């Protein structure tokens, strides 16, 4: 479920506070703004960047939201590449959380997942291709009007 490429207009300014809509280039769904970031980084760095901007890596709570995030990824990248989202397991194999604090009740795991391969899989990504990679792209999610400048 990935977002340092949030420089929306090349001016190094982020979306202004308290707007009623999402900025140009972002997608709105269910009161949230979504933005795909094409700069590879590890999960913790991607989440930290999202928090700096006033949000978190995207969380997925149902099939419609899953499809919306997939649409954001495909629209921005013209493919369905590996993308970080906000799920993590806090080093406990069977207990998962969303970085935004929302409940983790919807799952859409690939067959055989989660399997904590070699004890190193503690973060969640969409569009996993089976290849091992520590730095991937990410999708940023923020509530409309609460992104930081």
N, C-alpha and C. Protein backbone atom coordinates (compact mmCIF):
# COMPACT_ATOMS: atom_id res chain seq x y z
N UNK A 1 0.80 -1.08 0.00
CA UNK A 1 0.00 0.00 0.00
C UNK A 1 0.88 1.19 0.00
N UNK A 2 3.07 3.79 -2.23
CA UNK A 2 4.13 4.65 -1.87
C UNK A 2 4.14 6.07 -2.25
N UNK A 3 5.34 7.69 -1.31
CA UNK A 3 5.13 9.11 -1.65
C UNK A 3 6.32 10.07 -1.32
N UNK A 4 9.63 11.81 -1.67
CA UNK A 4 10.22 13.08 -1.59
C UNK A 4 9.86 13.75 -2.90
N UNK A 5 9.00 13.27 -3.72
CA UNK A 5 8.60 13.88 -4.94
C UNK A 5 7.28 14.60 -4.79
N UNK A 6 7.01 15.20 -3.67
CA UNK A 6 5.74 15.88 -3.49
C UNK A 6 5.86 17.36 -3.77
N UNK A 7 6.89 17.77 -4.44
CA UNK A 7 7.07 19.16 -4.86
C UNK A 7 6.07 19.39 -6.00
N UNK A 8 4.91 19.89 -5.66
CA UNK A 8 3.77 19.87 -6.57
C UNK A 8 3.95 20.71 -7.82
N UNK A 9 4.57 21.86 -7.71
CA UNK A 9 4.67 22.73 -8.88
C UNK A 9 6.09 23.16 -9.18
N UNK A 10 7.08 22.49 -8.59
CA UNK A 10 8.47 22.84 -8.82
C UNK A 10 8.96 23.98 -7.95
N UNK A 11 8.11 24.49 -7.07
CA UNK A 11 8.47 25.65 -6.26
C UNK A 11 8.92 25.27 -4.86
N UNK A 12 9.00 23.98 -4.57
CA UNK A 12 9.33 23.47 -3.24
C UNK A 12 8.28 23.84 -2.20
N UNK A 13 7.10 24.24 -2.63
CA UNK A 13 6.00 24.51 -1.71
C UNK A 13 5.05 23.33 -1.77
N UNK A 14 4.52 22.96 -0.63
CA UNK A 14 3.52 21.91 -0.60
C UNK A 14 2.14 22.54 -0.57
N UNK A 15 1.15 21.73 -0.68
CA UNK A 15 -0.25 22.14 -0.70
C UNK A 15 -0.58 23.03 0.49
N UNK A 16 -1.29 24.11 0.26
CA UNK A 16 -1.62 25.03 1.34
C UNK A 16 -2.70 24.45 2.25
N UNK A 17 -2.71 24.88 3.50
CA UNK A 17 -3.63 24.36 4.50
C UNK A 17 -5.08 24.75 4.24
N UNK A 18 -5.99 23.90 4.70
CA UNK A 18 -7.42 24.15 4.79
C UNK A 18 -8.13 24.44 3.47
N UNK A 19 -7.69 23.87 2.42
CA UNK A 19 -8.42 23.99 1.16
C UNK A 19 -9.54 22.96 1.13
N UNK A 20 -10.59 23.26 0.38
CA UNK A 20 -11.72 22.34 0.29
C UNK A 20 -11.49 21.22 -0.70
N UNK A 21 -10.43 21.29 -1.48
CA UNK A 21 -10.17 20.25 -2.48
C UNK A 21 -8.70 19.86 -2.47
N UNK A 22 -8.40 18.82 -3.20
CA UNK A 22 -7.01 18.37 -3.32
C UNK A 22 -6.29 19.23 -4.35
N UNK A 23 -4.98 19.38 -4.21
CA UNK A 23 -4.23 20.17 -5.19
C UNK A 23 -4.16 19.47 -6.54
N UNK A 24 -3.83 20.22 -7.55
CA UNK A 24 -3.68 19.67 -8.89
C UNK A 24 -2.66 18.54 -8.87
N UNK A 25 -2.96 17.45 -9.56
CA UNK A 25 -2.06 16.32 -9.60
C UNK A 25 -2.30 15.30 -8.50
N UNK A 26 -3.20 15.60 -7.58
CA UNK A 26 -3.56 14.68 -6.50
C UNK A 26 -4.93 14.11 -6.80
N UNK A 27 -5.26 12.98 -6.21
CA UNK A 27 -6.56 12.35 -6.39
C UNK A 27 -7.31 12.36 -5.07
N UNK A 28 -8.60 12.70 -5.14
CA UNK A 28 -9.43 12.72 -3.95
C UNK A 28 -10.29 11.47 -3.91
N UNK A 29 -10.40 10.88 -2.74
CA UNK A 29 -11.31 9.76 -2.54
C UNK A 29 -11.73 9.72 -1.08
N UNK A 30 -13.00 9.75 -0.83
CA UNK A 30 -13.55 9.57 0.51
C UNK A 30 -12.94 10.52 1.54
N UNK A 31 -12.76 11.78 1.17
CA UNK A 31 -12.25 12.79 2.10
C UNK A 31 -10.75 12.83 2.24
N UNK A 32 -10.03 12.02 1.48
CA UNK A 32 -8.57 12.01 1.53
C UNK A 32 -7.99 12.42 0.19
N UNK A 33 -6.78 12.96 0.22
CA UNK A 33 -6.03 13.27 -0.99
C UNK A 33 -4.90 12.25 -1.12
N UNK A 34 -4.69 11.74 -2.33
CA UNK A 34 -3.66 10.73 -2.58
C UNK A 34 -2.68 11.25 -3.62
N UNK A 35 -1.40 10.94 -3.40
CA UNK A 35 -0.36 11.35 -4.34
C UNK A 35 0.70 10.26 -4.42
N UNK A 36 1.05 9.88 -5.63
CA UNK A 36 2.08 8.87 -5.87
C UNK A 36 3.43 9.57 -5.98
N UNK A 37 4.41 9.07 -5.27
CA UNK A 37 5.76 9.63 -5.31
C UNK A 37 6.68 8.61 -5.97
N UNK A 38 7.39 9.06 -7.00
CA UNK A 38 8.21 8.14 -7.79
C UNK A 38 9.67 8.14 -7.39
N UNK A 39 9.98 8.63 -6.20
CA UNK A 39 11.36 8.60 -5.71
C UNK A 39 11.52 7.39 -4.78
N UNK A 40 12.36 6.43 -5.16
CA UNK A 40 12.52 5.23 -4.33
C UNK A 40 13.12 5.54 -2.96
N UNK A 41 12.57 4.92 -1.94
CA UNK A 41 13.12 5.02 -0.59
C UNK A 41 12.58 3.87 0.23
N UNK A 42 13.17 3.66 1.40
CA UNK A 42 12.68 2.58 2.25
C UNK A 42 11.37 3.00 2.93
N UNK A 43 10.69 2.04 3.53
CA UNK A 43 9.37 2.30 4.11
C UNK A 43 9.42 3.39 5.18
N UNK A 44 10.38 3.31 6.10
CA UNK A 44 10.45 4.28 7.20
C UNK A 44 10.68 5.69 6.67
N UNK A 45 11.53 5.85 5.67
CA UNK A 45 11.77 7.18 5.09
C UNK A 45 10.53 7.70 4.38
N UNK A 46 9.83 6.83 3.68
CA UNK A 46 8.60 7.23 3.00
C UNK A 46 7.54 7.68 4.02
N UNK A 47 7.36 6.93 5.08
CA UNK A 47 6.39 7.30 6.12
C UNK A 47 6.80 8.61 6.79
N UNK A 48 8.08 8.77 7.07
CA UNK A 48 8.56 10.01 7.69
C UNK A 48 8.26 11.21 6.80
N UNK A 49 8.48 11.05 5.50
CA UNK A 49 8.20 12.13 4.56
C UNK A 49 6.70 12.46 4.54
N UNK A 50 5.87 11.44 4.55
CA UNK A 50 4.43 11.67 4.58
C UNK A 50 4.02 12.41 5.86
N UNK A 51 4.59 12.02 6.99
CA UNK A 51 4.27 12.69 8.25
C UNK A 51 4.70 14.15 8.22
N UNK A 52 5.84 14.44 7.63
CA UNK A 52 6.32 15.81 7.50
C UNK A 52 5.31 16.64 6.71
N UNK A 53 4.65 16.00 5.74
CA UNK A 53 3.68 16.69 4.90
C UNK A 53 2.28 16.71 5.51
N UNK A 54 2.11 16.10 6.68
CA UNK A 54 0.81 16.14 7.35
C UNK A 54 -0.06 14.93 7.11
N UNK A 55 0.51 13.83 6.67
CA UNK A 55 -0.27 12.63 6.40
C UNK A 55 0.51 11.38 6.72
N UNK A 56 0.18 10.31 6.04
CA UNK A 56 0.81 9.00 6.23
C UNK A 56 0.83 8.27 4.91
N UNK A 57 1.57 7.18 4.85
CA UNK A 57 1.43 6.27 3.73
C UNK A 57 -0.02 5.81 3.68
N UNK A 58 -0.50 5.50 2.50
CA UNK A 58 -1.91 5.17 2.33
C UNK A 58 -2.30 3.91 3.10
N UNK A 59 -3.50 3.94 3.64
CA UNK A 59 -4.08 2.76 4.28
C UNK A 59 -5.28 2.31 3.44
N UNK A 60 -5.55 1.02 3.47
CA UNK A 60 -6.60 0.44 2.64
C UNK A 60 -7.62 -0.26 3.53
N UNK A 61 -8.88 0.16 3.44
CA UNK A 61 -9.91 -0.39 4.32
C UNK A 61 -10.99 -1.18 3.62
N UNK A 62 -10.98 -1.18 2.29
CA UNK A 62 -11.97 -1.95 1.54
C UNK A 62 -11.51 -2.08 0.09
N UNK A 63 -12.23 -2.89 -0.67
CA UNK A 63 -11.85 -3.15 -2.05
C UNK A 63 -11.92 -1.88 -2.92
N UNK A 64 -12.90 -1.03 -2.70
CA UNK A 64 -13.01 0.21 -3.48
C UNK A 64 -11.80 1.12 -3.25
N UNK A 65 -11.38 1.24 -2.00
CA UNK A 65 -10.20 2.06 -1.69
C UNK A 65 -8.95 1.44 -2.31
N UNK A 66 -8.85 0.13 -2.27
CA UNK A 66 -7.74 -0.57 -2.90
C UNK A 66 -7.68 -0.23 -4.39
N UNK A 67 -8.83 -0.30 -5.07
CA UNK A 67 -8.87 0.02 -6.51
C UNK A 67 -8.55 1.49 -6.77
N UNK A 68 -8.99 2.39 -5.89
CA UNK A 68 -8.67 3.81 -6.05
C UNK A 68 -7.17 4.05 -5.94
N UNK A 69 -6.52 3.41 -4.99
CA UNK A 69 -5.07 3.57 -4.84
C UNK A 69 -4.35 2.96 -6.03
N UNK A 70 -4.83 1.83 -6.52
CA UNK A 70 -4.25 1.24 -7.74
C UNK A 70 -4.38 2.23 -8.90
N UNK A 71 -5.52 2.90 -9.01
CA UNK A 71 -5.74 3.88 -10.07
C UNK A 71 -4.75 5.04 -9.94
N UNK A 72 -4.51 5.52 -8.73
CA UNK A 72 -3.53 6.59 -8.50
C UNK A 72 -2.15 6.15 -8.99
N UNK A 73 -1.77 4.93 -8.67
CA UNK A 73 -0.46 4.40 -9.08
C UNK A 73 -0.36 4.30 -10.59
N UNK A 74 -1.36 3.69 -11.22
CA UNK A 74 -1.33 3.51 -12.68
C UNK A 74 -1.39 4.84 -13.43
N UNK A 75 -2.18 5.79 -12.94
CA UNK A 75 -2.29 7.09 -13.60
C UNK A 75 -0.96 7.84 -13.55
N UNK A 76 -0.27 7.76 -12.42
CA UNK A 76 0.99 8.49 -12.26
C UNK A 76 2.17 7.79 -12.93
N UNK A 77 2.17 6.47 -12.95
CA UNK A 77 3.35 5.75 -13.42
C UNK A 77 3.12 4.95 -14.71
N UNK A 78 1.88 4.87 -15.17
CA UNK A 78 1.51 4.10 -16.35
C UNK A 78 1.81 2.61 -16.20
N UNK A 79 1.87 2.14 -14.97
CA UNK A 79 2.07 0.72 -14.70
C UNK A 79 1.61 0.45 -13.27
N UNK A 80 1.67 -0.78 -12.86
CA UNK A 80 1.32 -1.15 -11.49
C UNK A 80 2.57 -1.62 -10.78
N UNK A 81 3.49 -0.72 -10.56
CA UNK A 81 4.76 -1.06 -9.93
C UNK A 81 4.66 -1.21 -8.43
N UNK A 82 5.68 -1.82 -7.86
CA UNK A 82 5.75 -2.01 -6.42
C UNK A 82 5.65 -0.67 -5.71
N UNK A 83 4.79 -0.61 -4.70
CA UNK A 83 4.48 0.65 -4.04
C UNK A 83 4.25 0.43 -2.56
N UNK A 84 4.97 1.19 -1.72
CA UNK A 84 4.74 1.11 -0.27
C UNK A 84 3.37 1.65 0.07
N UNK A 85 2.72 1.02 1.04
CA UNK A 85 1.55 1.59 1.69
C UNK A 85 1.80 1.52 3.19
N UNK A 86 0.88 2.00 4.00
CA UNK A 86 1.15 2.23 5.42
C UNK A 86 1.08 1.04 6.35
N UNK A 87 0.95 -0.17 5.85
CA UNK A 87 0.87 -1.32 6.74
C UNK A 87 2.23 -1.75 7.28
N UNK A 88 2.25 -2.10 8.55
CA UNK A 88 3.47 -2.63 9.18
C UNK A 88 3.06 -3.56 10.31
N UNK A 89 3.98 -4.44 10.69
CA UNK A 89 3.61 -5.43 11.71
C UNK A 89 4.37 -5.29 13.02
N UNK A 90 5.12 -4.24 13.21
CA UNK A 90 5.81 -3.98 14.48
C UNK A 90 6.57 -5.21 14.98
N UNK A 91 7.21 -5.92 14.05
CA UNK A 91 8.04 -7.08 14.35
C UNK A 91 7.25 -8.29 14.86
N UNK A 92 5.94 -8.25 14.79
CA UNK A 92 5.08 -9.39 15.17
C UNK A 92 4.43 -9.92 13.91
N UNK A 93 4.73 -11.14 13.54
CA UNK A 93 4.33 -11.69 12.25
C UNK A 93 2.84 -11.63 11.97
N UNK A 94 2.00 -11.86 12.93
CA UNK A 94 0.57 -11.98 12.64
C UNK A 94 -0.26 -10.76 13.04
N UNK A 95 0.37 -9.72 13.56
CA UNK A 95 -0.37 -8.53 14.00
C UNK A 95 0.04 -7.35 13.13
N UNK A 96 -0.92 -6.81 12.36
CA UNK A 96 -0.63 -5.72 11.43
C UNK A 96 -1.35 -4.44 11.85
N UNK A 97 -0.73 -3.30 11.53
CA UNK A 97 -1.25 -1.98 11.86
C UNK A 97 -1.16 -1.08 10.63
N UNK A 98 -1.94 0.00 10.63
CA UNK A 98 -1.78 1.07 9.64
C UNK A 98 -1.05 2.21 10.31
N UNK A 99 -0.13 2.83 9.61
CA UNK A 99 0.67 3.91 10.18
C UNK A 99 -0.17 5.13 10.56
N UNK A 100 -1.38 5.26 10.00
CA UNK A 100 -2.25 6.39 10.36
C UNK A 100 -3.08 6.10 11.61
N UNK A 101 -2.92 4.91 12.19
CA UNK A 101 -3.63 4.55 13.41
C UNK A 101 -5.00 3.94 13.18
N UNK A 102 -5.46 3.87 11.94
CA UNK A 102 -6.76 3.28 11.67
C UNK A 102 -6.70 1.75 11.83
N UNK A 103 -7.87 1.13 12.00
CA UNK A 103 -7.92 -0.31 12.23
C UNK A 103 -7.52 -1.08 10.98
N UNK A 104 -6.78 -2.15 11.19
CA UNK A 104 -6.32 -3.02 10.11
C UNK A 104 -7.25 -4.23 10.05
N UNK A 105 -8.32 -4.13 9.28
CA UNK A 105 -9.27 -5.24 9.20
C UNK A 105 -9.43 -5.77 7.78
N UNK A 106 -9.13 -4.98 6.75
CA UNK A 106 -9.25 -5.44 5.37
C UNK A 106 -7.91 -5.97 4.90
N UNK A 107 -7.89 -7.15 4.30
CA UNK A 107 -6.66 -7.70 3.75
C UNK A 107 -6.90 -8.17 2.32
N UNK A 108 -5.88 -8.09 1.53
CA UNK A 108 -5.92 -8.56 0.14
C UNK A 108 -4.54 -9.14 -0.16
N UNK A 109 -4.13 -10.11 0.66
CA UNK A 109 -2.79 -10.67 0.57
C UNK A 109 -2.61 -11.48 -0.71
N UNK A 110 -1.39 -11.48 -1.23
CA UNK A 110 -1.01 -12.41 -2.29
C UNK A 110 -0.99 -13.81 -1.68
N UNK A 111 -1.11 -14.83 -2.50
CA UNK A 111 -1.08 -16.21 -2.01
C UNK A 111 0.22 -16.45 -1.24
N UNK A 112 0.10 -17.05 -0.06
CA UNK A 112 1.27 -17.38 0.75
C UNK A 112 1.78 -16.23 1.60
N UNK A 113 1.12 -15.10 1.55
CA UNK A 113 1.55 -13.94 2.33
C UNK A 113 0.54 -13.68 3.45
N UNK A 114 0.94 -13.01 4.49
CA UNK A 114 2.32 -12.63 4.79
C UNK A 114 3.11 -13.83 5.30
N UNK A 115 4.37 -13.92 4.91
CA UNK A 115 5.19 -15.05 5.34
C UNK A 115 6.47 -14.64 6.06
N UNK A 116 6.70 -13.34 6.19
CA UNK A 116 7.89 -12.82 6.89
C UNK A 116 9.16 -13.51 6.40
N UNK A 117 9.36 -13.52 5.10
CA UNK A 117 10.49 -14.18 4.47
C UNK A 117 11.80 -13.80 5.15
N UNK A 118 12.51 -14.81 5.64
CA UNK A 118 13.79 -14.66 6.34
C UNK A 118 13.72 -13.68 7.51
N UNK A 119 12.54 -13.48 8.05
CA UNK A 119 12.37 -12.60 9.20
C UNK A 119 12.56 -11.13 8.90
N UNK A 120 12.41 -10.75 7.63
CA UNK A 120 12.71 -9.37 7.24
C UNK A 120 11.52 -8.60 6.66
N UNK A 121 10.35 -9.20 6.61
CA UNK A 121 9.21 -8.52 5.98
C UNK A 121 8.27 -7.97 7.04
N UNK A 122 8.42 -6.68 7.33
CA UNK A 122 7.62 -6.05 8.37
C UNK A 122 6.81 -4.87 7.86
N UNK A 123 6.89 -4.59 6.56
CA UNK A 123 6.18 -3.47 5.96
C UNK A 123 5.38 -3.96 4.76
N UNK A 124 4.35 -3.21 4.41
CA UNK A 124 3.43 -3.66 3.37
C UNK A 124 3.60 -2.87 2.09
N UNK A 125 3.56 -3.60 0.97
CA UNK A 125 3.61 -2.94 -0.32
C UNK A 125 2.55 -3.53 -1.24
N UNK A 126 2.10 -2.72 -2.18
CA UNK A 126 1.17 -3.18 -3.20
C UNK A 126 1.97 -3.59 -4.41
N UNK A 127 1.39 -4.47 -5.23
CA UNK A 127 1.97 -4.85 -6.52
C UNK A 127 3.32 -5.55 -6.37
N UNK A 128 3.45 -6.36 -5.36
CA UNK A 128 4.70 -7.09 -5.13
C UNK A 128 4.93 -8.06 -6.28
N UNK A 129 6.13 -8.05 -6.84
CA UNK A 129 6.44 -8.90 -7.99
C UNK A 129 7.28 -10.12 -7.62
N UNK A 130 7.52 -10.33 -6.33
CA UNK A 130 8.31 -11.47 -5.90
C UNK A 130 9.80 -11.21 -5.88
N UNK A 131 10.23 -10.06 -6.37
CA UNK A 131 11.66 -9.72 -6.36
C UNK A 131 11.97 -8.92 -5.11
N UNK A 132 13.11 -9.19 -4.53
CA UNK A 132 13.49 -8.55 -3.29
C UNK A 132 14.04 -7.15 -3.56
N UNK A 133 13.49 -6.16 -2.88
CA UNK A 133 13.92 -4.78 -3.08
C UNK A 133 13.67 -4.03 -1.78
N UNK A 134 14.64 -3.26 -1.32
CA UNK A 134 14.48 -2.53 -0.06
C UNK A 134 13.98 -1.11 -0.27
N UNK A 135 14.16 -0.56 -1.45
CA UNK A 135 13.71 0.79 -1.74
C UNK A 135 12.68 0.71 -2.85
N UNK A 136 11.52 1.25 -2.59
CA UNK A 136 10.47 1.23 -3.59
C UNK A 136 9.73 2.56 -3.54
N UNK A 137 8.74 2.75 -4.39
CA UNK A 137 7.99 3.99 -4.51
C UNK A 137 6.85 3.96 -3.51
N UNK A 138 6.12 5.06 -3.35
CA UNK A 138 5.07 5.05 -2.34
C UNK A 138 3.92 5.99 -2.66
N UNK A 139 2.78 5.79 -1.97
CA UNK A 139 1.58 6.61 -2.14
C UNK A 139 1.32 7.33 -0.82
N UNK A 140 1.18 8.63 -0.90
CA UNK A 140 0.93 9.50 0.25
C UNK A 140 -0.56 9.74 0.38
N UNK A 141 -1.05 9.74 1.60
CA UNK A 141 -2.47 10.00 1.86
C UNK A 141 -2.58 11.04 2.95
N UNK A 142 -3.42 12.04 2.75
CA UNK A 142 -3.68 13.05 3.77
C UNK A 142 -5.15 13.44 3.71
N UNK A 143 -5.70 13.82 4.84
CA UNK A 143 -7.06 14.32 4.88
C UNK A 143 -7.08 15.65 4.16
N UNK A 144 -8.10 15.89 3.35
CA UNK A 144 -8.18 17.14 2.60
C UNK A 144 -8.04 18.32 3.55
N UNK A 145 -7.18 19.29 3.19
CA UNK A 145 -7.05 20.51 3.94
C UNK A 145 -6.12 20.46 5.13
N UNK A 146 -5.47 19.33 5.38
CA UNK A 146 -4.57 19.27 6.53
C UNK A 146 -3.14 18.96 6.17
N UNK A 147 -2.77 19.12 4.93
CA UNK A 147 -1.38 18.92 4.55
C UNK A 147 -0.57 20.15 4.96
N UNK A 148 0.68 19.92 5.34
CA UNK A 148 1.55 21.01 5.78
C UNK A 148 2.17 21.74 4.61
N UNK A 149 2.50 23.00 4.85
CA UNK A 149 3.23 23.79 3.85
C UNK A 149 4.69 23.44 3.90
